[in-house]
Amino acid sequence: MRVACVLWTDRHSDPTVHLFTDADAAIDWARAQAKKMDRHDDFKETELTDEMRNIGWIYDVQYSCEGDGLRVEMVEVDKDVTTLRRKDSK
């Protein structure tokens, strides 16, 4: 299954991953989060290079001068990744 994966990296917290079945929804969500987090007019959408596009990136945005931001990529997710796991399962 191909999904849009939003990778959120911020130097003040662990990276988080958010999966969307719709790429446009993922981009809209990432853009909205970056605008909320932008406190010093550092919001900057990256112009993607061909290399970025070739590895699956579809959107990238920073909201701080230190590079905190969100990236959206199209990724292939297999059934093992999407299976619900309990803490005690192996």
C-alpha atoms as a PDB file:
ATOM      1  CA  MET A   1       0.000   0.000   0.000  1.00  0.00           C
ATOM      2  CA  ARG A   2       1.363   3.423  -0.957  1.00  0.00           C
ATOM      3  CA  VAL A   3       0.810   6.161   1.595  1.00  0.00           C
ATOM      4  CA  ALA A   4       1.948   9.694   2.229  1.00  0.00           C
ATOM      5  CA  CYS A   5       4.285   9.782   5.200  1.00  0.00           C
ATOM      6  CA  VAL A   6       4.808  13.040   7.086  1.00  0.00           C
ATOM      7  CA  LEU A   7       8.085  13.082   9.013  1.00  0.00           C
ATOM      8  CA  TRP A   8       8.106  15.828  11.641  1.00  0.00           C
ATOM      9  CA  THR A   9      11.543  16.728  12.990  1.00  0.00           C
ATOM     10  CA  ASP A  10      12.016  19.272  15.754  1.00  0.00           C
ATOM     11  CA  ARG A  11      15.156  19.681  17.837  1.00  0.00           C
ATOM     12  CA  HIS A  12      13.054  19.871  21.027  1.00  0.00           C
ATOM     13  CA  SER A  13      11.345  16.484  20.639  1.00  0.00           C
ATOM     14  CA  ASP A  14      11.679  13.056  19.075  1.00  0.00           C
ATOM     15  CA  PRO A  15      10.777  12.814  15.387  1.00  0.00           C
ATOM     16  CA  THR A  16       7.222  11.681  14.703  1.00  0.00           C
ATOM     17  CA  VAL A  17       5.667  10.001  11.689  1.00  0.00           C
ATOM     18  CA  HIS A  18       2.099  10.532  10.484  1.00  0.00           C
ATOM     19  CA  LEU A  19       0.583   8.419   7.694  1.00  0.00           C
ATOM     20  CA  PHE A  20      -2.095   9.598   5.275  1.00  0.00           C
ATOM     21  CA  THR A  21      -3.852   7.726   2.506  1.00  0.00           C
ATOM     22  CA  ASP A  22      -4.244  10.998   0.586  1.00  0.00           C
ATOM     23  CA  ALA A  23      -1.122  12.951  -0.442  1.00  0.00           C
ATOM     24  CA  ASP A  24      -2.927  16.294  -0.661  1.00  0.00           C
ATOM     25  CA  ALA A  25      -4.310  15.855   2.853  1.00  0.00           C
ATOM     26  CA  ALA A  26      -0.799  15.087   4.111  1.00  0.00           C
ATOM     27  CA  ILE A  27       0.625  18.213   2.489  1.00  0.00           C
ATOM     28  CA  ASP A  28      -2.214  20.393   3.801  1.00  0.00           C
ATOM     29  CA  TRP A  29      -1.726  18.997   7.330  1.00  0.00           C
ATOM     30  CA  ALA A  30       2.060  19.454   7.227  1.00  0.00           C
ATOM     31  CA  ARG A  31       1.703  23.027   5.967  1.00  0.00           C
ATOM     32  CA  ALA A  32      -0.843  23.837   8.705  1.00  0.00           C
ATOM     33  CA  GLN A  33       1.399  22.403  11.444  1.00  0.00           C
ATOM     34  CA  ALA A  34       4.393  24.371  10.193  1.00  0.00           C
ATOM     35  CA  LYS A  35       2.384  27.595  10.147  1.00  0.00           C
ATOM     36  CA  LYS A  36       1.222  26.951  13.726  1.00  0.00           C
ATOM     37  CA  MET A  37       4.787  26.316  14.915  1.00  0.00           C
ATOM     38  CA  ASP A  38       6.306  29.319  13.096  1.00  0.00           C
ATOM     39  CA  ARG A  39       6.937  31.942  15.753  1.00  0.00           C
ATOM     40  CA  HIS A  40       9.480  34.188  14.034  1.00  0.00           C
ATOM     41  CA  ASP A  41       8.380  34.364  10.387  1.00  0.00           C
ATOM     42  CA  ASP A  42      10.692  31.476   9.472  1.00  0.00           C
ATOM     43  CA  PHE A  43       8.057  29.526   7.479  1.00  0.00           C
ATOM     44  CA  LYS A  44       9.756  28.377   4.285  1.00  0.00           C
ATOM     45  CA  GLU A  45       8.512  25.859   1.735  1.00  0.00           C
ATOM     46  CA  THR A  46      11.384  24.098  -0.006  1.00  0.00           C
ATOM     47  CA  GLU A  47      11.603  24.051  -3.772  1.00  0.00           C
ATOM     48  CA  LEU A  48      12.183  20.356  -4.383  1.00  0.00           C
ATOM     49  CA  THR A  49      15.038  19.235  -6.601  1.00  0.00           C
ATOM     50  CA  ASP A  50      14.779  16.398  -9.093  1.00  0.00           C
ATOM     51  CA  GLU A  51      16.840  14.254  -6.708  1.00  0.00           C
ATOM     52  CA  MET A  52      14.358  14.881  -3.870  1.00  0.00           C
ATOM     53  CA  ARG A  53      11.433  13.994  -6.124  1.00  0.00           C
ATOM     54  CA  ASN A  54      13.210  10.858  -7.362  1.00  0.00           C
ATOM     55  CA  ILE A  55      13.487   9.491  -3.828  1.00  0.00           C
ATOM     56  CA  GLY A  56       9.819  10.151  -3.132  1.00  0.00           C
ATOM     57  CA  TRP A  57       9.634  13.575  -1.523  1.00  0.00           C
ATOM     58  CA  ILE A  58       6.514  15.512  -2.448  1.00  0.00           C
ATOM     59  CA  TYR A  59       6.686  18.413   0.038  1.00  0.00           C
ATOM     60  CA  ASP A  60       9.136  19.919   2.521  1.00  0.00           C
ATOM     61  CA  VAL A  61       8.751  22.896   4.835  1.00  0.00           C
ATOM     62  CA  GLN A  62      10.750  24.482   7.650  1.00  0.00           C
ATOM     63  CA  TYR A  63       9.324  26.633  10.410  1.00  0.00           C
ATOM     64  CA  SER A  64      12.472  27.698  12.252  1.00  0.00           C
ATOM     65  CA  CYS A  65      15.891  29.014  11.362  1.00  0.00           C
ATOM     66  CA  GLU A  66      17.404  25.858  12.893  1.00  0.00           C
ATOM     67  CA  GLY A  67      15.732  23.628  10.314  1.00  0.00           C
ATOM     68  CA  ASP A  68      12.801  22.252  12.309  1.00  0.00           C
ATOM     69  CA  GLY A  69      10.166  21.156   9.858  1.00  0.00           C
ATOM     70  CA  LEU A  70       8.041  18.560   8.136  1.00  0.00           C
ATOM     71  CA  ARG A  71       8.639  16.473   5.038  1.00  0.00           C
ATOM     72  CA  VAL A  72       6.064  14.497   3.065  1.00  0.00           C
ATOM     73  CA  GLU A  73       7.161  11.409   1.157  1.00  0.00           C
ATOM     74  CA  MET A  74       5.316   8.709  -0.693  1.00  0.00           C
ATOM     75  CA  VAL A  75       6.260   5.342   0.806  1.00  0.00           C
ATOM     76  CA  GLU A  76       5.275   1.729   0.407  1.00  0.00           C
ATOM     77  CA  VAL A  77       3.874   0.232   3.609  1.00  0.00           C
ATOM     78  CA  ASP A  78       3.507  -3.513   3.949  1.00  0.00           C
ATOM     79  CA  LYS A  79       0.996  -5.388   6.069  1.00  0.00           C
ATOM     80  CA  ASP A  80       3.573  -6.071   8.799  1.00  0.00           C
ATOM     81  CA  VAL A  81       3.949  -2.347   9.441  1.00  0.00           C
ATOM     82  CA  THR A  82       0.219  -1.702   9.610  1.00  0.00           C
ATOM     83  CA  THR A  83      -0.603  -4.651  11.887  1.00  0.00           C
ATOM     84  CA  LEU A  84      -1.665  -3.575  15.360  1.00  0.00           C
ATOM     85  CA  ARG A  85       0.817  -4.826  17.923  1.00  0.00           C
ATOM     86  CA  ARG A  86       0.427  -5.147  21.633  1.00  0.00           C
ATOM     87  CA  LYS A  87       3.349  -4.333  23.929  1.00  0.00           C
ATOM     88  CA  ASP A  88       3.697  -7.974  24.923  1.00  0.00           C
ATOM     89  CA  SER A  89       3.555  -9.395  21.363  1.00  0.00           C
ATOM     90  CA  LYS A  90       6.692 -10.578  19.593  1.00  0.00           C
END
